[in-house]
Amino acid sequence: MTFEPGARTNWHTPPLGQTLIVTAGCGWTQCEGEERVEIRAGDVIWSNHKHWHGATTTTAMTHIAVQEALDGKPVEWLEPVPDKQYLGEKS
């Protein structure tokens, strides 16, 4: 999946965890209650927490997402990530 600059997922929770394999570009990810972190091609990230991920404002990011489904549902999609939070600005 490729995220163009400025694109990101909504907050979401994978019921059995999710592995992201970044294959190109640069992006950001953030777990709820933690700081936003940069991710780059070659990074492998695992999460079983509420989180989001996407491209930076200037660089596309491509990743492979691997997760199992629980009762036929691989992800619980939640609310959008506000621009201020996406940009790493403090409340």
PDB file of N, CA and C in Angstrom:
ATOM      1  N   MET A   1       0.847  -1.163   0.000  1.00  0.00           N
ATOM      2  CA  MET A   1       0.000   0.000   0.000  1.00  0.00           C
ATOM      3  C   MET A   1       0.896   1.230   0.000  1.00  0.00           C
ATOM      4  N   THR A   2       0.566   2.198  -0.841  1.00  0.00           N
ATOM      5  CA  THR A   2       1.339   3.434  -0.913  1.00  0.00           C
ATOM      6  C   THR A   2       0.506   4.601  -0.402  1.00  0.00           C
ATOM      7  N   PHE A   3       1.118   5.396   0.449  1.00  0.00           N
ATOM      8  CA  PHE A   3       0.529   6.626   0.956  1.00  0.00           C
ATOM      9  C   PHE A   3       1.251   7.785   0.282  1.00  0.00           C
ATOM     10  N   GLU A   4       0.534   8.623  -0.419  1.00  0.00           N
ATOM     11  CA  GLU A   4       1.117   9.820  -1.018  1.00  0.00           C
ATOM     12  C   GLU A   4       1.393  10.841   0.087  1.00  0.00           C
ATOM     13  N   PRO A   5       2.252  11.836  -0.158  1.00  0.00           N
ATOM     14  CA  PRO A   5       2.538  12.830   0.876  1.00  0.00           C
ATOM     15  C   PRO A   5       1.251  13.399   1.487  1.00  0.00           C
ATOM     16  N   GLY A   6       1.216  13.436   2.808  1.00  0.00           N
ATOM     17  CA  GLY A   6       0.060  13.954   3.532  1.00  0.00           C
ATOM     18  C   GLY A   6      -1.011  12.928   3.847  1.00  0.00           C
ATOM     19  N   ALA A   7      -0.925  11.727   3.268  1.00  0.00           N
ATOM     20  CA  ALA A   7      -1.951  10.701   3.499  1.00  0.00           C
ATOM     21  C   ALA A   7      -1.593   9.848   4.714  1.00  0.00           C
ATOM     22  N   ARG A   8      -2.619   9.437   5.442  1.00  0.00           N
ATOM     23  CA  ARG A   8      -2.422   8.552   6.587  1.00  0.00           C
ATOM     24  C   ARG A   8      -3.700   7.778   6.847  1.00  0.00           C
ATOM     25  N   THR A   9      -3.577   6.741   7.663  1.00  0.00           N
ATOM     26  CA  THR A   9      -4.740   5.967   8.064  1.00  0.00           C
ATOM     27  C   THR A   9      -5.501   6.728   9.143  1.00  0.00           C
ATOM     28  N   ASN A  10      -6.677   6.244   9.459  1.00  0.00           N
ATOM     29  CA  ASN A  10      -7.343   6.629  10.702  1.00  0.00           C
ATOM     30  C   ASN A  10      -6.642   5.892  11.836  1.00  0.00           C
ATOM     31  N   TRP A  11      -6.939   6.288  13.058  1.00  0.00           N
ATOM     32  CA  TRP A  11      -6.546   5.474  14.190  1.00  0.00           C
ATOM     33  C   TRP A  11      -7.175   4.101  13.981  1.00  0.00           C
ATOM     34  N   HIS A  12      -6.482   3.060  14.361  1.00  0.00           N
ATOM     35  CA  HIS A  12      -7.042   1.721  14.251  1.00  0.00           C
ATOM     36  C   HIS A  12      -6.358   0.781  15.229  1.00  0.00           C
ATOM     37  N   THR A  13      -7.043  -0.311  15.517  1.00  0.00           N
ATOM     38  CA  THR A  13      -6.522  -1.326  16.424  1.00  0.00           C
ATOM     39  C   THR A  13      -6.624  -2.676  15.733  1.00  0.00           C
ATOM     40  N   PRO A  14      -5.495  -3.363  15.542  1.00  0.00           N
ATOM     41  CA  PRO A  14      -5.541  -4.720  15.005  1.00  0.00           C
ATOM     42  C   PRO A  14      -5.749  -5.694  16.166  1.00  0.00           C
ATOM     43  N   PRO A  15      -6.818  -6.480  16.169  1.00  0.00           N
ATOM     44  CA  PRO A  15      -7.127  -7.313  17.334  1.00  0.00           C
ATOM     45  C   PRO A  15      -6.055  -8.350  17.663  1.00  0.00           C
ATOM     46  N   LEU A  16      -5.285  -8.776  16.667  1.00  0.00           N
ATOM     47  CA  LEU A  16      -4.226  -9.764  16.905  1.00  0.00           C
ATOM     48  C   LEU A  16      -2.848  -9.207  16.571  1.00  0.00           C
ATOM     49  N   GLY A  17      -2.720  -7.891  16.518  1.00  0.00           N
ATOM     50  CA  GLY A  17      -1.440  -7.264  16.193  1.00  0.00           C
ATOM     51  C   GLY A  17      -1.282  -7.063  14.698  1.00  0.00           C
ATOM     52  N   GLN A  18      -0.316  -6.223  14.342  1.00  0.00           N
ATOM     53  CA  GLN A  18      -0.072  -5.894  12.937  1.00  0.00           C
ATOM     54  C   GLN A  18       1.416  -5.635  12.749  1.00  0.00           C
ATOM     55  N   THR A  19       1.977  -6.212  11.693  1.00  0.00           N
ATOM     56  CA  THR A  19       3.366  -5.958  11.328  1.00  0.00           C
ATOM     57  C   THR A  19       3.377  -5.112  10.066  1.00  0.00           C
ATOM     58  N   LEU A  20       4.124  -4.016  10.106  1.00  0.00           N
ATOM     59  CA  LEU A  20       4.319  -3.170   8.932  1.00  0.00           C
ATOM     60  C   LEU A  20       5.748  -3.339   8.451  1.00  0.00           C
ATOM     61  N   ILE A  21       5.908  -3.561   7.160  1.00  0.00           N
ATOM     62  CA  ILE A  21       7.224  -3.655   6.535  1.00  0.00           C
ATOM     63  C   ILE A  21       7.307  -2.497   5.548  1.00  0.00           C
ATOM     64  N   VAL A  22       8.116  -1.497   5.876  1.00  0.00           N
ATOM     65  CA  VAL A  22       8.235  -0.314   5.021  1.00  0.00           C
ATOM     66  C   VAL A  22       9.156  -0.665   3.861  1.00  0.00           C
ATOM     67  N   THR A  23       8.642  -0.557   2.638  1.00  0.00           N
ATOM     68  CA  THR A  23       9.405  -0.965   1.455  1.00  0.00           C
ATOM     69  C   THR A  23       9.956   0.207   0.650  1.00  0.00           C
ATOM     70  N   ALA A  24       9.423   1.406   0.855  1.00  0.00           N
ATOM     71  CA  ALA A  24       9.918   2.578   0.121  1.00  0.00           C
ATOM     72  C   ALA A  24       9.495   3.844   0.843  1.00  0.00           C
ATOM     73  N   GLY A  25      10.323   4.870   0.712  1.00  0.00           N
ATOM     74  CA  GLY A  25       9.964   6.184   1.214  1.00  0.00           C
ATOM     75  C   GLY A  25      10.168   6.370   2.700  1.00  0.00           C
ATOM     76  N   CYS A  26       9.425   7.342   3.213  1.00  0.00           N
ATOM     77  CA  CYS A  26       9.544   7.758   4.613  1.00  0.00           C
ATOM     78  C   CYS A  26       8.153   8.116   5.113  1.00  0.00           C
ATOM     79  N   GLY A  27       7.854   7.744   6.341  1.00  0.00           N
ATOM     80  CA  GLY A  27       6.547   8.051   6.899  1.00  0.00           C
ATOM     81  C   GLY A  27       6.612   8.253   8.395  1.00  0.00           C
ATOM     82  N   TRP A  28       5.438   8.298   9.000  1.00  0.00           N
ATOM     83  CA  TRP A  28       5.308   8.442  10.443  1.00  0.00           C
ATOM     84  C   TRP A  28       4.322   7.410  10.953  1.00  0.00           C
ATOM     85  N   THR A  29       4.514   7.006  12.196  1.00  0.00           N
ATOM     86  CA  THR A  29       3.551   6.174  12.899  1.00  0.00           C
ATOM     87  C   THR A  29       3.490   6.650  14.336  1.00  0.00           C
ATOM     88  N   GLN A  30       2.366   6.379  14.987  1.00  0.00           N
ATOM     89  CA  GLN A  30       2.212   6.798  16.373  1.00  0.00           C
ATOM     90  C   GLN A  30       1.251   5.864  17.071  1.00  0.00           C
ATOM     91  N   CYS A  31       1.663   5.363  18.235  1.00  0.00           N
ATOM     92  CA  CYS A  31       0.766   4.615  19.110  1.00  0.00           C
ATOM     93  C   CYS A  31       0.104   5.609  20.054  1.00  0.00           C
ATOM     94  N   GLU A  32      -1.112   5.335  20.431  1.00  0.00           N
ATOM     95  CA  GLU A  32      -1.851   6.225  21.324  1.00  0.00           C
ATOM     96  C   GLU A  32      -1.049   6.484  22.598  1.00  0.00           C
ATOM     97  N   GLY A  33      -0.940   7.761  22.968  1.00  0.00           N
ATOM     98  CA  GLY A  33      -0.243   8.137  24.184  1.00  0.00           C
ATOM     99  C   GLY A  33       1.266   8.238  24.051  1.00  0.00           C
ATOM    100  N   GLU A  34       1.796   7.999  22.846  1.00  0.00           N
ATOM    101  CA  GLU A  34       3.233   8.058  22.614  1.00  0.00           C
ATOM    102  C   GLU A  34       3.550   9.126  21.572  1.00  0.00           C
ATOM    103  N   GLU A  35       4.835   9.423  21.422  1.00  0.00           N
ATOM    104  CA  GLU A  35       5.276  10.386  20.425  1.00  0.00           C
ATOM    105  C   GLU A  35       5.211   9.782  19.021  1.00  0.00           C
ATOM    106  N   ARG A  36       4.999  10.596  18.041  1.00  0.00           N
ATOM    107  CA  ARG A  36       5.071  10.189  16.635  1.00  0.00           C
ATOM    108  C   ARG A  36       6.525   9.833  16.315  1.00  0.00           C
ATOM    109  N   VAL A  37       6.738   8.766  15.543  1.00  0.00           N
ATOM    110  CA  VAL A  37       8.096   8.362  15.165  1.00  0.00           C
ATOM    111  C   VAL A  37       8.198   8.233  13.648  1.00  0.00           C
ATOM    112  N   GLU A  38       9.396   8.476  13.146  1.00  0.00           N
ATOM    113  CA  GLU A  38       9.652   8.358  11.713  1.00  0.00           C
ATOM    114  C   GLU A  38       9.930   6.908  11.357  1.00  0.00           C
ATOM    115  N   ILE A  39       9.409   6.474  10.215  1.00  0.00           N
ATOM    116  CA  ILE A  39       9.689   5.136   9.688  1.00  0.00           C
ATOM    117  C   ILE A  39      10.221   5.283   8.271  1.00  0.00           C
ATOM    118  N   ARG A  40      11.151   4.383   7.915  1.00  0.00           N
ATOM    119  CA  ARG A  40      11.821   4.460   6.606  1.00  0.00           C
ATOM    120  C   ARG A  40      11.883   3.078   5.972  1.00  0.00           C
ATOM    121  N   ALA A  41      12.177   3.071   4.669  1.00  0.00           N
ATOM    122  CA  ALA A  41      12.343   1.804   3.946  1.00  0.00           C
ATOM    123  C   ALA A  41      13.297   0.907   4.722  1.00  0.00           C
ATOM    124  N   GLY A  42      12.900  -0.350   4.897  1.00  0.00           N
ATOM    125  CA  GLY A  42      13.693  -1.323   5.641  1.00  0.00           C
ATOM    126  C   GLY A  42      13.231  -1.512   7.072  1.00  0.00           C
ATOM    127  N   ASP A  43      12.446  -0.572   7.602  1.00  0.00           N
ATOM    128  CA  ASP A  43      11.949  -0.705   8.971  1.00  0.00           C
ATOM    129  C   ASP A  43      10.825  -1.735   9.029  1.00  0.00           C
ATOM    130  N   VAL A  44      10.807  -2.487  10.117  1.00  0.00           N
ATOM    131  CA  VAL A  44       9.733  -3.437  10.400  1.00  0.00           C
ATOM    132  C   VAL A  44       9.163  -3.034  11.754  1.00  0.00           C
ATOM    133  N   ILE A  45       7.873  -2.767  11.794  1.00  0.00           N
ATOM    134  CA  ILE A  45       7.220  -2.267  13.000  1.00  0.00           C
ATOM    135  C   ILE A  45       6.082  -3.208  13.358  1.00  0.00           C
ATOM    136  N   TRP A  46       5.980  -3.531  14.645  1.00  0.00           N
ATOM    137  CA  TRP A  46       4.876  -4.365  15.114  1.00  0.00           C
ATOM    138  C   TRP A  46       4.086  -3.580  16.142  1.00  0.00           C
ATOM    139  N   SER A  47       2.774  -3.695  16.082  1.00  0.00           N
ATOM    140  CA  SER A  47       1.927  -3.024  17.063  1.00  0.00           C
ATOM    141  C   SER A  47       0.696  -3.864  17.347  1.00  0.00           C
ATOM    142  N   ASN A  48       0.322  -3.879  18.613  1.00  0.00           N
ATOM    143  CA  ASN A  48      -0.977  -4.448  18.983  1.00  0.00           C
ATOM    144  C   ASN A  48      -1.764  -3.407  19.769  1.00  0.00           C
ATOM    145  N   HIS A  49      -1.423  -2.131  19.538  1.00  0.00           N
ATOM    146  CA  HIS A  49      -2.063  -1.006  20.218  1.00  0.00           C
ATOM    147  C   HIS A  49      -2.820  -0.149  19.209  1.00  0.00           C
ATOM    148  N   LYS A  50      -3.629   0.751  19.726  1.00  0.00           N
ATOM    149  CA  LYS A  50      -4.280   1.751  18.886  1.00  0.00           C
ATOM    150  C   LYS A  50      -3.185   2.622  18.280  1.00  0.00           C
ATOM    151  N   HIS A  51      -3.180   2.752  16.948  1.00  0.00           N
ATOM    152  CA  HIS A  51      -2.126   3.506  16.272  1.00  0.00           C
ATOM    153  C   HIS A  51      -2.597   3.991  14.906  1.00  0.00           C
ATOM    154  N   TRP A  52      -1.756   4.793  14.279  1.00  0.00           N
ATOM    155  CA  TRP A  52      -1.958   5.212  12.888  1.00  0.00           C
ATOM    156  C   TRP A  52      -0.602   5.214  12.207  1.00  0.00           C
ATOM    157  N   HIS A  53      -0.606   5.248  10.880  1.00  0.00           N
ATOM    158  CA  HIS A  53       0.632   5.350  10.111  1.00  0.00           C
ATOM    159  C   HIS A  53       0.315   5.952   8.756  1.00  0.00           C
ATOM    160  N   GLY A  54       1.344   6.549   8.144  1.00  0.00           N
ATOM    161  CA  GLY A  54       1.164   7.160   6.833  1.00  0.00           C
ATOM    162  C   GLY A  54       2.434   7.830   6.362  1.00  0.00           C
ATOM    163  N   ALA A  55       2.314   8.577   5.280  1.00  0.00           N
ATOM    164  CA  ALA A  55       3.445   9.298   4.690  1.00  0.00           C
ATOM    165  C   ALA A  55       3.745  10.554   5.505  1.00  0.00           C
ATOM    166  N   THR A  56       4.909  11.154   5.252  1.00  0.00           N
ATOM    167  CA  THR A  56       5.174  12.480   5.808  1.00  0.00           C
ATOM    168  C   THR A  56       4.451  13.503   4.929  1.00  0.00           C
ATOM    169  N   THR A  57       4.601  14.753   5.249  1.00  0.00           N
ATOM    170  CA  THR A  57       3.956  15.802   4.449  1.00  0.00           C
ATOM    171  C   THR A  57       4.610  15.983   3.088  1.00  0.00           C
ATOM    172  N   THR A  58       5.862  15.516   2.938  1.00  0.00           N
ATOM    173  CA  THR A  58       6.606  15.751   1.694  1.00  0.00           C
ATOM    174  C   THR A  58       7.076  14.489   0.988  1.00  0.00           C
ATOM    175  N   THR A  59       6.951  13.328   1.630  1.00  0.00           N
ATOM    176  CA  THR A  59       7.496  12.087   1.071  1.00  0.00           C
ATOM    177  C   THR A  59       6.451  10.979   1.102  1.00  0.00           C
ATOM    178  N   ALA A  60       6.303  10.263   0.004  1.00  0.00           N
ATOM    179  CA  ALA A  60       5.417   9.096  -0.029  1.00  0.00           C
ATOM    180  C   ALA A  60       6.044   7.963   0.783  1.00  0.00           C
ATOM    181  N   MET A  61       5.218   7.034   1.222  1.00  0.00           N
ATOM    182  CA  MET A  61       5.685   5.866   1.967  1.00  0.00           C
ATOM    183  C   MET A  61       4.885   4.652   1.510  1.00  0.00           C
ATOM    184  N   THR A  62       5.591   3.561   1.234  1.00  0.00           N
ATOM    185  CA  THR A  62       4.948   2.307   0.838  1.00  0.00           C
ATOM    186  C   THR A  62       5.263   1.250   1.879  1.00  0.00           C
ATOM    187  N   HIS A  63       4.247   0.477   2.253  1.00  0.00           N
ATOM    188  CA  HIS A  63       4.476  -0.612   3.204  1.00  0.00           C
ATOM    189  C   HIS A  63       3.621  -1.817   2.857  1.00  0.00           C
ATOM    190  N   ILE A  64       4.021  -2.930   3.422  1.00  0.00           N
ATOM    191  CA  ILE A  64       3.228  -4.155   3.419  1.00  0.00           C
ATOM    192  C   ILE A  64       2.702  -4.302   4.836  1.00  0.00           C
ATOM    193  N   ALA A  65       1.414  -4.533   4.997  1.00  0.00           N
ATOM    194  CA  ALA A  65       0.813  -4.747   6.315  1.00  0.00           C
ATOM    195  C   ALA A  65       0.406  -6.208   6.432  1.00  0.00           C
ATOM    196  N   VAL A  66       0.791  -6.823   7.540  1.00  0.00           N
ATOM    197  CA  VAL A  66       0.475  -8.227   7.785  1.00  0.00           C
ATOM    198  C   VAL A  66      -0.256  -8.318   9.120  1.00  0.00           C
ATOM    199  N   GLN A  67      -1.455  -8.873   9.097  1.00  0.00           N
ATOM    200  CA  GLN A  67      -2.207  -9.084  10.328  1.00  0.00           C
ATOM    201  C   GLN A  67      -3.178 -10.228  10.136  1.00  0.00           C
ATOM    202  N   GLU A  68      -3.525 -10.868  11.239  1.00  0.00           N
ATOM    203  CA  GLU A  68      -4.533 -11.924  11.212  1.00  0.00           C
ATOM    204  C   GLU A  68      -5.886 -11.325  11.570  1.00  0.00           C
ATOM    205  N   ALA A  69      -6.924 -11.997  11.157  1.00  0.00           N
ATOM    206  CA  ALA A  69      -8.275 -11.555  11.474  1.00  0.00           C
ATOM    207  C   ALA A  69      -8.794 -12.298  12.701  1.00  0.00           C
ATOM    208  N   LEU A  70      -9.571 -11.618  13.505  1.00  0.00           N
ATOM    209  CA  LEU A  70     -10.270 -12.218  14.632  1.00  0.00           C
ATOM    210  C   LEU A  70     -11.756 -12.132  14.314  1.00  0.00           C
ATOM    211  N   ASP A  71     -12.409 -13.266  14.233  1.00  0.00           N
ATOM    212  CA  ASP A  71     -13.826 -13.311  13.852  1.00  0.00           C
ATOM    213  C   ASP A  71     -14.070 -12.600  12.525  1.00  0.00           C
ATOM    214  N   GLY A  72     -13.134 -12.790  11.581  1.00  0.00           N
ATOM    215  CA  GLY A  72     -13.266 -12.228  10.245  1.00  0.00           C
ATOM    216  C   GLY A  72     -12.903 -10.757  10.124  1.00  0.00           C
ATOM    217  N   LYS A  73     -12.412 -10.156  11.198  1.00  0.00           N
ATOM    218  CA  LYS A  73     -12.108  -8.717  11.197  1.00  0.00           C
ATOM    219  C   LYS A  73     -10.619  -8.503  11.481  1.00  0.00           C
ATOM    220  N   PRO A  74      -9.832  -8.051  10.461  1.00  0.00           N
ATOM    221  CA  PRO A  74      -8.396  -7.861  10.684  1.00  0.00           C
ATOM    222  C   PRO A  74      -8.053  -6.567  11.424  1.00  0.00           C
ATOM    223  N   VAL A  75      -8.931  -5.564  11.350  1.00  0.00           N
ATOM    224  CA  VAL A  75      -8.650  -4.251  11.936  1.00  0.00           C
ATOM    225  C   VAL A  75      -9.960  -3.618  12.396  1.00  0.00           C
ATOM    226  N   GLU A  76      -9.907  -2.934  13.533  1.00  0.00           N
ATOM    227  CA  GLU A  76     -11.033  -2.104  13.956  1.00  0.00           C
ATOM    228  C   GLU A  76     -10.673  -0.655  13.635  1.00  0.00           C
ATOM    229  N   TRP A  77     -11.369  -0.088  12.644  1.00  0.00           N
ATOM    230  CA  TRP A  77     -11.094   1.290  12.232  1.00  0.00           C
ATOM    231  C   TRP A  77     -11.784   2.257  13.171  1.00  0.00           C
ATOM    232  N   LEU A  78     -11.057   3.325  13.538  1.00  0.00           N
ATOM    233  CA  LEU A  78     -11.541   4.294  14.507  1.00  0.00           C
ATOM    234  C   LEU A  78     -11.554   5.699  13.896  1.00  0.00           C
ATOM    235  N   GLU A  79     -11.410   6.713  14.729  1.00  0.00           N
ATOM    236  CA  GLU A  79     -11.548   8.105  14.296  1.00  0.00           C
ATOM    237  C   GLU A  79     -10.363   8.572  13.450  1.00  0.00           C
ATOM    238  N   PRO A  80     -10.580   9.609  12.630  1.00  0.00           N
ATOM    239  CA  PRO A  80      -9.482  10.195  11.855  1.00  0.00           C
ATOM    240  C   PRO A  80      -8.417  10.807  12.770  1.00  0.00           C
ATOM    241  N   VAL A  81      -7.209  10.894  12.253  1.00  0.00           N
ATOM    242  CA  VAL A  81      -6.103  11.550  12.959  1.00  0.00           C
ATOM    243  C   VAL A  81      -6.166  13.042  12.624  1.00  0.00           C
ATOM    244  N   PRO A  82      -6.354  13.904  13.625  1.00  0.00           N
ATOM    245  CA  PRO A  82      -6.413  15.345  13.346  1.00  0.00           C
ATOM    246  C   PRO A  82      -5.089  15.852  12.761  1.00  0.00           C
ATOM    247  N   ASP A  83      -5.172  16.871  11.906  1.00  0.00           N
ATOM    248  CA  ASP A  83      -3.967  17.423  11.281  1.00  0.00           C
ATOM    249  C   ASP A  83      -2.909  17.803  12.308  1.00  0.00           C
ATOM    250  N   LYS A  84      -3.317  18.450  13.390  1.00  0.00           N
ATOM    251  CA  LYS A  84      -2.368  18.894  14.413  1.00  0.00           C
ATOM    252  C   LYS A  84      -1.586  17.703  14.981  1.00  0.00           C
ATOM    253  N   GLN A  85      -2.265  16.606  15.238  1.00  0.00           N
ATOM    254  CA  GLN A  85      -1.603  15.411  15.769  1.00  0.00           C
ATOM    255  C   GLN A  85      -0.716  14.774  14.704  1.00  0.00           C
ATOM    256  N   TYR A  86      -1.205  14.689  13.481  1.00  0.00           N
ATOM    257  CA  TYR A  86      -0.420  14.151  12.371  1.00  0.00           C
ATOM    258  C   TYR A  86       0.882  14.923  12.205  1.00  0.00           C
ATOM    259  N   LEU A  87       0.827  16.230  12.365  1.00  0.00           N
ATOM    260  CA  LEU A  87       2.002  17.083  12.201  1.00  0.00           C
ATOM    261  C   LEU A  87       2.920  17.074  13.422  1.00  0.00           C
ATOM    262  N   GLY A  88       2.528  16.353  14.475  1.00  0.00           N
ATOM    263  CA  GLY A  88       3.371  16.234  15.661  1.00  0.00           C
ATOM    264  C   GLY A  88       3.304  17.429  16.585  1.00  0.00           C
ATOM    265  N   GLU A  89       2.282  18.256  16.421  1.00  0.00           N
ATOM    266  CA  GLU A  89       2.137  19.437  17.269  1.00  0.00           C
ATOM    267  C   GLU A  89       1.519  19.043  18.605  1.00  0.00           C
ATOM    268  N   LYS A  90       1.962  19.684  19.646  1.00  0.00           N
ATOM    269  CA  LYS A  90       1.429  19.433  20.990  1.00  0.00           C
ATOM    270  C   LYS A  90       0.086  20.126  21.147  1.00  0.00           C
ATOM    271  N   SER A  91      -0.774  19.525  21.944  1.00  0.00           N
ATOM    272  CA  SER A  91      -2.112  20.108  22.190  1.00  0.00           C
ATOM    273  C   SER A  91      -2.033  21.367  23.007  1.00  0.00           C
TER     274      SER A  91
END
